[in-house]
Amino acid sequence: MAKIEIYTSPFCGFCWRAKSLLSDKGVEFSEIDITFHPGRRPEMMERSNGSHTVPQIFIDDAHIGGCDELLALDHKGGLDPLLQAG
């Protein structure tokens, strides 16, 4: 299975939706809550080429983007192959 990391904050609806999609697909992911770990925000921004909003999603260290990009990738049929890789 792929290594999935998602940077989040507690009351973010987009974060909830992205995590819900991944959970519905039965995959495990590491969640990095930047509210409780603010020192991780610069790491997130560097990895995502300056994106400062959450969620920021990475599959096998490749930046997928935020919730909209994750949903679009799934809609096109491109998410499942990435989740199975690794």
Protein backbone atom coordinates (compact mmCIF):
# COMPACT_ATOMS: atom_id res chain seq x y z
CA MET A 1 0.00 0.00 0.00
CA ALA A 2 1.01 3.58 -0.58
CA LYS A 3 2.30 5.87 2.15
CA ILE A 4 -0.30 8.62 2.62
CA GLU A 5 0.24 11.79 4.65
CA ILE A 6 -2.29 14.55 5.15
CA TYR A 7 -1.71 17.89 6.86
CA THR A 8 -4.89 19.04 8.60
CA SER A 9 -6.49 21.29 11.19
CA PRO A 10 -9.34 20.30 13.54
CA PHE A 11 -12.35 22.24 12.25
CA CYS A 12 -11.58 22.12 8.54
CA GLY A 13 -14.46 20.73 6.47
CA PHE A 14 -12.18 20.10 3.50
CA CYS A 15 -9.85 18.09 5.75
CA TRP A 16 -12.79 16.07 7.01
CA ARG A 17 -13.96 15.35 3.44
CA ALA A 18 -10.49 14.27 2.27
CA LYS A 19 -10.00 12.00 5.29
CA SER A 20 -13.48 10.56 4.79
CA LEU A 21 -12.73 9.67 1.16
CA LEU A 22 -9.48 7.97 2.12
CA SER A 23 -11.17 6.11 4.98
CA ASP A 24 -14.00 5.00 2.68
CA LYS A 25 -11.36 3.50 0.41
CA GLY A 26 -9.98 1.55 3.37
CA VAL A 27 -6.51 3.06 3.31
CA GLU A 28 -4.47 4.12 6.29
CA PHE A 29 -2.94 7.57 6.41
CA SER A 30 -0.80 9.65 8.72
CA GLU A 31 -2.44 12.85 9.86
CA ILE A 32 -0.32 15.84 10.81
CA ASP A 33 -2.43 18.40 12.66
CA ILE A 34 -0.70 21.74 12.15
CA THR A 35 -2.85 23.42 14.81
CA PHE A 36 -1.40 21.23 17.55
CA HIS A 37 2.00 21.01 15.85
CA PRO A 38 2.52 24.51 14.39
CA GLY A 39 6.19 23.80 13.81
CA ARG A 40 5.15 21.41 11.04
CA ARG A 41 3.48 24.18 8.97
CA PRO A 42 6.79 25.32 7.36
CA GLU A 43 7.50 21.68 6.48
CA MET A 44 4.07 21.42 4.83
CA MET A 45 4.59 24.63 2.90
CA GLU A 46 8.02 23.55 1.67
CA ARG A 47 6.77 20.13 0.59
CA SER A 48 3.74 21.64 -1.18
CA ASN A 49 5.64 24.40 -3.00
CA GLY A 50 4.26 27.17 -0.81
CA SER A 51 0.67 26.05 -0.29
CA HIS A 52 -0.48 27.29 3.09
CA THR A 53 -4.02 25.94 3.29
CA VAL A 54 -5.11 22.57 4.63
CA PRO A 55 -5.47 19.84 3.75
CA GLN A 56 -2.29 19.15 1.86
CA ILE A 57 -2.11 15.52 0.76
CA PHE A 58 0.91 13.43 -0.20
CA ILE A 59 0.91 9.91 -1.61
CA ASP A 60 4.32 8.23 -1.61
CA ASP A 61 5.85 11.68 -1.07
CA ALA A 62 4.20 13.07 -4.23
CA HIS A 63 2.14 16.20 -3.61
CA ILE A 64 -1.46 15.58 -4.64
CA GLY A 65 -2.78 18.95 -3.50
CA GLY A 66 -5.81 19.71 -1.39
CA CYS A 67 -9.26 18.23 -1.09
CA ASP A 68 -10.47 19.46 -4.49
CA GLU A 69 -7.48 17.91 -6.24
CA LEU A 70 -7.95 14.62 -4.36
CA LEU A 71 -11.64 14.47 -5.31
CA ALA A 72 -10.87 15.33 -8.95
CA LEU A 73 -8.18 12.64 -9.07
CA ASP A 74 -10.67 10.12 -7.70
CA HIS A 75 -13.36 11.22 -10.16
CA LYS A 76 -10.95 10.66 -13.09
CA GLY A 77 -10.06 7.20 -11.80
CA GLY A 78 -6.50 8.15 -10.95
CA LEU A 79 -6.62 7.81 -7.17
CA ASP A 80 -7.08 4.06 -6.76
CA PRO A 81 -3.96 3.14 -8.78
CA LEU A 82 -1.89 5.50 -6.63
CA LEU A 83 -3.30 4.00 -3.45
CA GLN A 84 -2.50 0.48 -4.61
CA ALA A 85 1.08 1.37 -5.56
CA GLY A 86 3.86 1.53 -3.09
